[in-house]
Protein backbone atom coordinates (compact mmCIF):
# COMPACT_ATOMS: atom_id res chain seq x y z
CA THR A 1 0.00 0.00 0.00
CA VAL A 2 1.36 3.40 -0.95
CA VAL A 3 0.75 6.15 1.60
CA PRO A 4 2.08 9.70 1.99
CA GLY A 5 5.31 9.82 3.97
CA SER A 6 3.67 12.19 6.45
CA ALA A 7 1.26 9.38 7.40
CA LEU A 8 4.11 7.11 8.57
CA PRO A 9 5.96 7.11 11.88
CA LEU A 10 9.46 8.58 11.43
CA ASP A 11 11.17 5.28 12.30
CA ILE A 12 9.73 3.23 9.41
CA ALA A 13 12.31 2.51 6.70
CA ARG A 14 11.42 4.18 3.38
CA VAL A 15 13.17 5.81 0.44
CA GLY A 16 15.76 8.21 1.86
CA SER A 17 15.98 6.54 5.29
CA ARG A 18 19.34 5.68 6.86
CA VAL A 19 18.95 2.16 8.19
CA THR A 20 21.35 0.39 10.51
CA TYR A 21 20.89 -3.37 10.40
CA ARG A 22 22.73 -6.57 11.11
CA SER A 23 22.52 -9.96 9.50
CA ASP A 24 23.29 -13.47 10.62
CA LEU A 25 26.53 -13.24 8.66
CA ASP A 26 27.85 -9.68 9.03
CA PRO A 27 28.44 -7.02 11.67
CA PRO A 28 26.04 -4.03 11.82
CA ARG A 29 26.00 -1.87 8.72
CA THR A 30 24.33 1.46 7.89
CA VAL A 31 22.87 2.12 4.44
CA THR A 32 20.62 4.71 2.84
CA LEU A 33 17.63 3.42 0.87
CA VAL A 34 17.48 5.15 -2.53
CA TYR A 35 15.87 4.84 -5.96
CA PRO A 36 17.79 2.58 -8.40
CA ALA A 37 19.40 5.43 -10.36
CA GLU A 38 20.96 6.79 -7.12
CA SER A 39 22.35 3.49 -5.83
CA ASP A 40 26.05 3.25 -5.07
CA LEU A 41 27.03 0.30 -2.93
CA ALA A 42 30.48 1.71 -2.16
CA ALA A 43 28.84 4.87 -0.79
CA GLY A 44 26.30 2.88 1.23
CA ARG A 45 23.32 3.81 -0.95
CA ILE A 46 21.27 0.75 -1.85
CA SER A 47 18.32 0.56 -4.21
CA VAL A 48 14.90 -0.06 -2.72
CA LEU A 49 14.49 -2.59 -5.55
CA SER A 50 17.51 -4.67 -4.50
CA ARG A 51 17.00 -7.82 -2.44
CA LEU A 52 18.25 -6.06 0.68
CA GLY A 53 16.32 -2.87 -0.06
CA THR A 54 13.02 -4.67 -0.55
CA SER A 55 13.68 -6.60 2.66
CA LEU A 56 14.32 -3.50 4.77
CA ILE A 57 11.61 -1.18 3.40
CA GLY A 58 8.71 -0.84 5.82
CA LEU A 59 10.56 -2.22 8.84
CA GLN A 60 11.09 -0.47 12.18
CA PRO A 61 13.86 -0.90 14.78
CA GLY A 62 13.51 -4.28 16.48
CA GLN A 63 11.88 -5.95 13.48
CA SER A 64 13.55 -8.66 11.41
CA ILE A 65 13.02 -10.38 8.10
CA ARG A 66 14.36 -13.70 6.84
CA TYR A 67 14.89 -14.61 3.22
CA MET A 68 16.63 -17.21 1.15
CA GLY A 69 20.10 -16.14 -0.03
CA TRP A 70 21.46 -16.76 -3.51
CA ASP A 71 23.34 -19.78 -2.19
CA GLY A 72 20.20 -21.34 -0.72
CA ASP A 73 20.97 -20.42 2.88
CA SER A 74 18.41 -18.51 4.90
CA ILE A 75 19.59 -15.06 6.07
CA GLU A 76 17.97 -12.92 8.75
CA PHE A 77 18.25 -9.13 8.74
CA SER A 78 17.40 -7.22 11.93
CA VAL A 79 16.84 -3.46 11.95
CA LEU A 80 18.72 -1.68 14.73
CA SER A 81 17.81 1.94 13.91
CA VAL A 82 16.11 4.08 11.27
CA LEU A 83 16.74 7.77 10.62
CA PRO A 84 14.00 9.33 8.48
CA PRO A 85 14.68 11.11 5.21
CA ALA A 86 15.68 14.77 5.62
CA GLU A 87 12.30 16.02 4.31
CA ALA A 88 10.46 14.00 6.98
CA ARG A 89 12.51 15.64 9.77
CA ARG A 90 11.32 19.17 8.95
């Protein structure tokens, strides 16, 4: 469901959010969720259409999601914190 950003709590991951998460396999990492044309993995900007981006979108701190990795192993991602997009902080 698509809703205006102003209708969401500030700590829900959406386009422009800075999300700190951890997985079963890696230490905590912080990324910014962006549209595909703005993605730059080296700069920590991941597309909301990537596997990780689609997994994180809509989650709040304390929530987790599990999905099947490319190698067939199940991976869990847990959201530690979400900073809203700059326009939502105004």
